[in-house]
Amino acid sequence: MENKNFLTVEEMMKYTGFSQKQIYKLTSTRTIPHYKPSGRKLFFKKDEIDKWINRGRIDTFEELSKEIV
């Protein structure tokens, strides 16, 4: 994939592995950051998607055990 700032729905499907239906559901519930400049076509800023994905990071058991000690 070329290095660009914004992704289309089709590119988001390839980038995240989400189906088109999942992407539309995430946008309609305002769960995922997106842009709709013409009121129809969706765009996603790649760095915002990366941040959104990283917010869902789950600590490993090793990381959790280090916090306890």
PDB file of N, CA and C in Angstrom:
ATOM      1  N   MET A   1       0.855  -1.180   0.000  1.00  0.00           N
ATOM      2  CA  MET A   1       0.000   0.000   0.000  1.00  0.00           C
ATOM      3  C   MET A   1       0.892   1.232   0.000  1.00  0.00           C
ATOM      4  N   GLU A   2       0.565   2.182  -0.838  1.00  0.00           N
ATOM      5  CA  GLU A   2       1.377   3.381  -0.905  1.00  0.00           C
ATOM      6  C   GLU A   2       1.224   4.204   0.367  1.00  0.00           C
ATOM      7  N   ASN A   3       2.213   5.044   0.620  1.00  0.00           N
ATOM      8  CA  ASN A   3       2.221   5.854   1.827  1.00  0.00           C
ATOM      9  C   ASN A   3       1.396   7.113   1.600  1.00  0.00           C
ATOM     10  N   LYS A   4       0.185   7.146   2.143  1.00  0.00           N
ATOM     11  CA  LYS A   4      -0.672   8.320   2.023  1.00  0.00           C
ATOM     12  C   LYS A   4      -1.426   8.532   3.314  1.00  0.00           C
ATOM     13  N   ASN A   5      -1.949   9.740   3.475  1.00  0.00           N
ATOM     14  CA  ASN A   5      -2.586  10.111   4.733  1.00  0.00           C
ATOM     15  C   ASN A   5      -4.000   9.578   4.903  1.00  0.00           C
ATOM     16  N   PHE A   6      -4.779   9.554   3.825  1.00  0.00           N
ATOM     17  CA  PHE A   6      -6.181   9.166   3.927  1.00  0.00           C
ATOM     18  C   PHE A   6      -6.446   7.855   3.203  1.00  0.00           C
ATOM     19  N   LEU A   7      -7.355   7.074   3.784  1.00  0.00           N
ATOM     20  CA  LEU A   7      -7.743   5.786   3.213  1.00  0.00           C
ATOM     21  C   LEU A   7      -9.225   5.818   2.858  1.00  0.00           C
ATOM     22  N   THR A   8      -9.580   5.119   1.790  1.00  0.00           N
ATOM     23  CA  THR A   8     -10.981   4.931   1.422  1.00  0.00           C
ATOM     24  C   THR A   8     -11.519   3.727   2.196  1.00  0.00           C
ATOM     25  N   VAL A   9     -12.799   3.462   2.058  1.00  0.00           N
ATOM     26  CA  VAL A   9     -13.394   2.288   2.719  1.00  0.00           C
ATOM     27  C   VAL A   9     -12.711   1.009   2.234  1.00  0.00           C
ATOM     28  N   GLU A  10     -12.487   0.913   0.928  1.00  0.00           N
ATOM     29  CA  GLU A  10     -11.846  -0.282   0.374  1.00  0.00           C
ATOM     30  C   GLU A  10     -10.431  -0.459   0.937  1.00  0.00           C
ATOM     31  N   GLU A  11      -9.696   0.640   1.038  1.00  0.00           N
ATOM     32  CA  GLU A  11      -8.342   0.571   1.595  1.00  0.00           C
ATOM     33  C   GLU A  11      -8.375   0.243   3.085  1.00  0.00           C
ATOM     34  N   MET A  12      -9.401   0.750   3.793  1.00  0.00           N
ATOM     35  CA  MET A  12      -9.567   0.425   5.221  1.00  0.00           C
ATOM     36  C   MET A  12      -9.825  -1.062   5.407  1.00  0.00           C
ATOM     37  N   MET A  13     -10.583  -1.650   4.497  1.00  0.00           N
ATOM     38  CA  MET A  13     -10.868  -3.077   4.574  1.00  0.00           C
ATOM     39  C   MET A  13      -9.564  -3.865   4.485  1.00  0.00           C
ATOM     40  N   LYS A  14      -8.703  -3.475   3.559  1.00  0.00           N
ATOM     41  CA  LYS A  14      -7.409  -4.153   3.405  1.00  0.00           C
ATOM     42  C   LYS A  14      -6.493  -3.868   4.591  1.00  0.00           C
ATOM     43  N   TYR A  15      -6.491  -2.632   5.057  1.00  0.00           N
ATOM     44  CA  TYR A  15      -5.577  -2.207   6.124  1.00  0.00           C
ATOM     45  C   TYR A  15      -5.927  -2.852   7.464  1.00  0.00           C
ATOM     46  N   THR A  16      -7.221  -2.910   7.788  1.00  0.00           N
ATOM     47  CA  THR A  16      -7.646  -3.401   9.105  1.00  0.00           C
ATOM     48  C   THR A  16      -8.148  -4.838   9.095  1.00  0.00           C
ATOM     49  N   GLY A  17      -8.580  -5.320   7.937  1.00  0.00           N
ATOM     50  CA  GLY A  17      -9.185  -6.648   7.874  1.00  0.00           C
ATOM     51  C   GLY A  17     -10.662  -6.631   8.221  1.00  0.00           C
ATOM     52  N   PHE A  18     -11.233  -5.458   8.484  1.00  0.00           N
ATOM     53  CA  PHE A  18     -12.663  -5.341   8.767  1.00  0.00           C
ATOM     54  C   PHE A  18     -13.453  -5.466   7.474  1.00  0.00           C
ATOM     55  N   SER A  19     -14.657  -5.977   7.577  1.00  0.00           N
ATOM     56  CA  SER A  19     -15.538  -6.026   6.413  1.00  0.00           C
ATOM     57  C   SER A  19     -16.131  -4.633   6.183  1.00  0.00           C
ATOM     58  N   GLN A  20     -16.697  -4.451   5.001  1.00  0.00           N
ATOM     59  CA  GLN A  20     -17.344  -3.179   4.693  1.00  0.00           C
ATOM     60  C   GLN A  20     -18.477  -2.912   5.683  1.00  0.00           C
ATOM     61  N   LYS A  21     -19.223  -3.939   6.008  1.00  0.00           N
ATOM     62  CA  LYS A  21     -20.341  -3.809   6.951  1.00  0.00           C
ATOM     63  C   LYS A  21     -19.831  -3.356   8.326  1.00  0.00           C
ATOM     64  N   GLN A  22     -18.719  -3.946   8.791  1.00  0.00           N
ATOM     65  CA  GLN A  22     -18.153  -3.561  10.086  1.00  0.00           C
ATOM     66  C   GLN A  22     -17.710  -2.099  10.070  1.00  0.00           C
ATOM     67  N   ILE A  23     -17.085  -1.675   8.984  1.00  0.00           N
ATOM     68  CA  ILE A  23     -16.605  -0.294   8.881  1.00  0.00           C
ATOM     69  C   ILE A  23     -17.779   0.685   8.916  1.00  0.00           C
ATOM     70  N   TYR A  24     -18.833   0.381   8.163  1.00  0.00           N
ATOM     71  CA  TYR A  24     -20.003   1.267   8.167  1.00  0.00           C
ATOM     72  C   TYR A  24     -20.671   1.302   9.545  1.00  0.00           C
ATOM     73  N   LYS A  25     -20.691   0.183  10.234  1.00  0.00           N
ATOM     74  CA  LYS A  25     -21.275   0.163  11.577  1.00  0.00           C
ATOM     75  C   LYS A  25     -20.433   1.014  12.536  1.00  0.00           C
ATOM     76  N   LEU A  26     -19.104   0.900  12.442  1.00  0.00           N
ATOM     77  CA  LEU A  26     -18.221   1.694  13.295  1.00  0.00           C
ATOM     78  C   LEU A  26     -18.367   3.190  13.030  1.00  0.00           C
ATOM     79  N   THR A  27     -18.594   3.555  11.773  1.00  0.00           N
ATOM     80  CA  THR A  27     -18.769   4.979  11.468  1.00  0.00           C
ATOM     81  C   THR A  27     -20.152   5.467  11.887  1.00  0.00           C
ATOM     82  N   SER A  28     -21.172   4.654  11.686  1.00  0.00           N
ATOM     83  CA  SER A  28     -22.530   5.094  12.034  1.00  0.00           C
ATOM     84  C   SER A  28     -22.714   5.233  13.539  1.00  0.00           C
ATOM     85  N   THR A  29     -21.954   4.473  14.312  1.00  0.00           N
ATOM     86  CA  THR A  29     -22.022   4.588  15.770  1.00  0.00           C
ATOM     87  C   THR A  29     -20.960   5.557  16.314  1.00  0.00           C
ATOM     88  N   ARG A  30     -20.240   6.195  15.389  1.00  0.00           N
ATOM     89  CA  ARG A  30     -19.188   7.156  15.732  1.00  0.00           C
ATOM     90  C   ARG A  30     -18.137   6.550  16.651  1.00  0.00           C
ATOM     91  N   THR A  31     -17.841   5.290  16.414  1.00  0.00           N
ATOM     92  CA  THR A  31     -16.837   4.570  17.191  1.00  0.00           C
ATOM     93  C   THR A  31     -15.442   4.796  16.638  1.00  0.00           C
ATOM     94  N   ILE A  32     -15.346   4.973  15.339  1.00  0.00           N
ATOM     95  CA  ILE A  32     -14.058   5.108  14.672  1.00  0.00           C
ATOM     96  C   ILE A  32     -13.971   6.503  14.028  1.00  0.00           C
ATOM     97  N   PRO A  33     -12.806   7.168  14.135  1.00  0.00           N
ATOM     98  CA  PRO A  33     -12.695   8.500  13.526  1.00  0.00           C
ATOM     99  C   PRO A  33     -12.732   8.422  12.005  1.00  0.00           C
ATOM    100  N   HIS A  34     -13.505   9.312  11.408  1.00  0.00           N
ATOM    101  CA  HIS A  34     -13.645   9.306   9.952  1.00  0.00           C
ATOM    102  C   HIS A  34     -14.030  10.691   9.447  1.00  0.00           C
ATOM    103  N   TYR A  35     -13.956  10.844   8.136  1.00  0.00           N
ATOM    104  CA  TYR A  35     -14.273  12.104   7.470  1.00  0.00           C
ATOM    105  C   TYR A  35     -15.269  11.841   6.357  1.00  0.00           C
ATOM    106  N   LYS A  36     -16.161  12.797   6.148  1.00  0.00           N
ATOM    107  CA  LYS A  36     -17.201  12.689   5.124  1.00  0.00           C
ATOM    108  C   LYS A  36     -17.351  14.066   4.460  1.00  0.00           C
ATOM    109  N   PRO A  37     -16.320  14.500   3.718  1.00  0.00           N
ATOM    110  CA  PRO A  37     -16.320  15.873   3.204  1.00  0.00           C
ATOM    111  C   PRO A  37     -17.456  16.197   2.235  1.00  0.00           C
ATOM    112  N   SER A  38     -17.879  15.249   1.443  1.00  0.00           N
ATOM    113  CA  SER A  38     -18.952  15.513   0.478  1.00  0.00           C
ATOM    114  C   SER A  38     -20.312  15.090   1.015  1.00  0.00           C
ATOM    115  N   GLY A  39     -20.305  14.539   2.232  1.00  0.00           N
ATOM    116  CA  GLY A  39     -21.553  14.049   2.805  1.00  0.00           C
ATOM    117  C   GLY A  39     -21.877  12.623   2.402  1.00  0.00           C
ATOM    118  N   ARG A  40     -21.043  12.035   1.545  1.00  0.00           N
ATOM    119  CA  ARG A  40     -21.310  10.676   1.089  1.00  0.00           C
ATOM    120  C   ARG A  40     -20.117   9.760   1.252  1.00  0.00           C
ATOM    121  N   LYS A  41     -19.027  10.064   0.561  1.00  0.00           N
ATOM    122  CA  LYS A  41     -17.861   9.182   0.560  1.00  0.00           C
ATOM    123  C   LYS A  41     -17.079   9.317   1.863  1.00  0.00           C
ATOM    124  N   LEU A  42     -16.686   8.173   2.420  1.00  0.00           N
ATOM    125  CA  LEU A  42     -15.950   8.147   3.684  1.00  0.00           C
ATOM    126  C   LEU A  42     -14.446   8.092   3.454  1.00  0.00           C
ATOM    127  N   PHE A  43     -13.734   8.771   4.332  1.00  0.00           N
ATOM    128  CA  PHE A  43     -12.281   8.719   4.337  1.00  0.00           C
ATOM    129  C   PHE A  43     -11.809   8.543   5.771  1.00  0.00           C
ATOM    130  N   PHE A  44     -10.640   7.952   5.916  1.00  0.00           N
ATOM    131  CA  PHE A  44     -10.064   7.689   7.227  1.00  0.00           C
ATOM    132  C   PHE A  44      -8.620   8.162   7.217  1.00  0.00           C
ATOM    133  N   LYS A  45      -8.232   8.906   8.240  1.00  0.00           N
ATOM    134  CA  LYS A  45      -6.850   9.363   8.344  1.00  0.00           C
ATOM    135  C   LYS A  45      -6.046   8.230   8.974  1.00  0.00           C
ATOM    136  N   LYS A  46      -5.036   7.784   8.253  1.00  0.00           N
ATOM    137  CA  LYS A  46      -4.292   6.593   8.658  1.00  0.00           C
ATOM    138  C   LYS A  46      -3.719   6.704  10.064  1.00  0.00           C
ATOM    139  N   ASP A  47      -3.124   7.838  10.422  1.00  0.00           N
ATOM    140  CA  ASP A  47      -2.535   7.953  11.760  1.00  0.00           C
ATOM    141  C   ASP A  47      -3.602   7.932  12.855  1.00  0.00           C
ATOM    142  N   GLU A  48      -4.810   8.437  12.571  1.00  0.00           N
ATOM    143  CA  GLU A  48      -5.895   8.372  13.549  1.00  0.00           C
ATOM    144  C   GLU A  48      -6.393   6.938  13.714  1.00  0.00           C
ATOM    145  N   ILE A  49      -6.412   6.186  12.640  1.00  0.00           N
ATOM    146  CA  ILE A  49      -6.823   4.782  12.717  1.00  0.00           C
ATOM    147  C   ILE A  49      -5.798   3.990  13.527  1.00  0.00           C
ATOM    148  N   ASP A  50      -4.513   4.268  13.297  1.00  0.00           N
ATOM    149  CA  ASP A  50      -3.462   3.603  14.070  1.00  0.00           C
ATOM    150  C   ASP A  50      -3.624   3.896  15.562  1.00  0.00           C
ATOM    151  N   LYS A  51      -3.894   5.145  15.911  1.00  0.00           N
ATOM    152  CA  LYS A  51      -4.102   5.518  17.322  1.00  0.00           C
ATOM    153  C   LYS A  51      -5.330   4.820  17.889  1.00  0.00           C
ATOM    154  N   TRP A  52      -6.402   4.773  17.099  1.00  0.00           N
ATOM    155  CA  TRP A  52      -7.631   4.129  17.539  1.00  0.00           C
ATOM    156  C   TRP A  52      -7.392   2.644  17.805  1.00  0.00           C
ATOM    157  N   ILE A  53      -6.673   1.986  16.917  1.00  0.00           N
ATOM    158  CA  ILE A  53      -6.368   0.567  17.092  1.00  0.00           C
ATOM    159  C   ILE A  53      -5.505   0.366  18.336  1.00  0.00           C
ATOM    160  N   ASN A  54      -4.515   1.220  18.524  1.00  0.00           N
ATOM    161  CA  ASN A  54      -3.605   1.094  19.668  1.00  0.00           C
ATOM    162  C   ASN A  54      -4.299   1.332  21.009  1.00  0.00           C
ATOM    163  N   ARG A  55      -5.405   2.078  21.011  1.00  0.00           N
ATOM    164  CA  ARG A  55      -6.142   2.304  22.271  1.00  0.00           C
ATOM    165  C   ARG A  55      -6.717   1.000  22.811  1.00  0.00           C
ATOM    166  N   GLY A  56      -6.914   0.033  21.938  1.00  0.00           N
ATOM    167  CA  GLY A  56      -7.490  -1.240  22.351  1.00  0.00           C
ATOM    168  C   GLY A  56      -6.453  -2.267  22.771  1.00  0.00           C
ATOM    169  N   ARG A  57      -5.221  -1.814  22.978  1.00  0.00           N
ATOM    170  CA  ARG A  57      -4.141  -2.748  23.333  1.00  0.00           C
ATOM    171  C   ARG A  57      -4.418  -3.410  24.680  1.00  0.00           C
ATOM    172  N   ILE A  58      -4.193  -4.706  24.737  1.00  0.00           N
ATOM    173  CA  ILE A  58      -4.364  -5.491  25.958  1.00  0.00           C
ATOM    174  C   ILE A  58      -2.973  -5.862  26.471  1.00  0.00           C
ATOM    175  N   ASP A  59      -2.718  -5.554  27.745  1.00  0.00           N
ATOM    176  CA  ASP A  59      -1.428  -5.908  28.344  1.00  0.00           C
ATOM    177  C   ASP A  59      -1.263  -7.419  28.420  1.00  0.00           C
ATOM    178  N   THR A  60      -0.016  -7.873  28.283  1.00  0.00           N
ATOM    179  CA  THR A  60       0.281  -9.298  28.434  1.00  0.00           C
ATOM    180  C   THR A  60       0.270  -9.650  29.917  1.00  0.00           C
ATOM    181  N   PHE A  61       0.210 -10.937  30.219  1.00  0.00           N
ATOM    182  CA  PHE A  61       0.270 -11.372  31.616  1.00  0.00           C
ATOM    183  C   PHE A  61       1.592 -10.930  32.247  1.00  0.00           C
ATOM    184  N   GLU A  62       2.665 -10.970  31.471  1.00  0.00           N
ATOM    185  CA  GLU A  62       3.978 -10.556  31.984  1.00  0.00           C
ATOM    186  C   GLU A  62       3.959  -9.077  32.376  1.00  0.00           C
ATOM    187  N   GLU A  63       3.374  -8.239  31.532  1.00  0.00           N
ATOM    188  CA  GLU A  63       3.284  -6.814  31.850  1.00  0.00           C
ATOM    189  C   GLU A  63       2.425  -6.574  33.085  1.00  0.00           C
ATOM    190  N   LEU A  64       1.330  -7.295  33.195  1.00  0.00           N
ATOM    191  CA  LEU A  64       0.461  -7.155  34.364  1.00  0.00           C
ATOM    192  C   LEU A  64       1.162  -7.596  35.640  1.00  0.00           C
ATOM    193  N   SER A  65       1.917  -8.691  35.568  1.00  0.00           N
ATOM    194  CA  SER A  65       2.603  -9.170  36.761  1.00  0.00           C
ATOM    195  C   SER A  65       3.690  -8.207  37.211  1.00  0.00           C
ATOM    196  N   LYS A  66       4.318  -7.499  36.286  1.00  0.00           N
ATOM    197  CA  LYS A  66       5.329  -6.508  36.638  1.00  0.00           C
ATOM    198  C   LYS A  66       4.702  -5.318  37.349  1.00  0.00           C
ATOM    199  N   GLU A  67       3.468  -4.970  36.994  1.00  0.00           N
ATOM    200  CA  GLU A  67       2.770  -3.868  37.644  1.00  0.00           C
ATOM    201  C   GLU A  67       2.417  -4.203  39.088  1.00  0.00           C
ATOM    202  N   ILE A  68       2.133  -5.458  39.358  1.00  0.00           N
ATOM    203  CA  ILE A  68       1.735  -5.891  40.691  1.00  0.00           C
ATOM    204  C   ILE A  68       2.917  -5.840  41.658  1.00  0.00           C
ATOM    205  N   VAL A  69       4.095  -6.206  41.164  1.00  0.00           N
ATOM    206  CA  VAL A  69       5.292  -6.286  42.011  1.00  0.00           C
ATOM    207  C   VAL A  69       5.810  -4.942  42.362  1.00  0.00           C
TER     208      VAL A  69
END
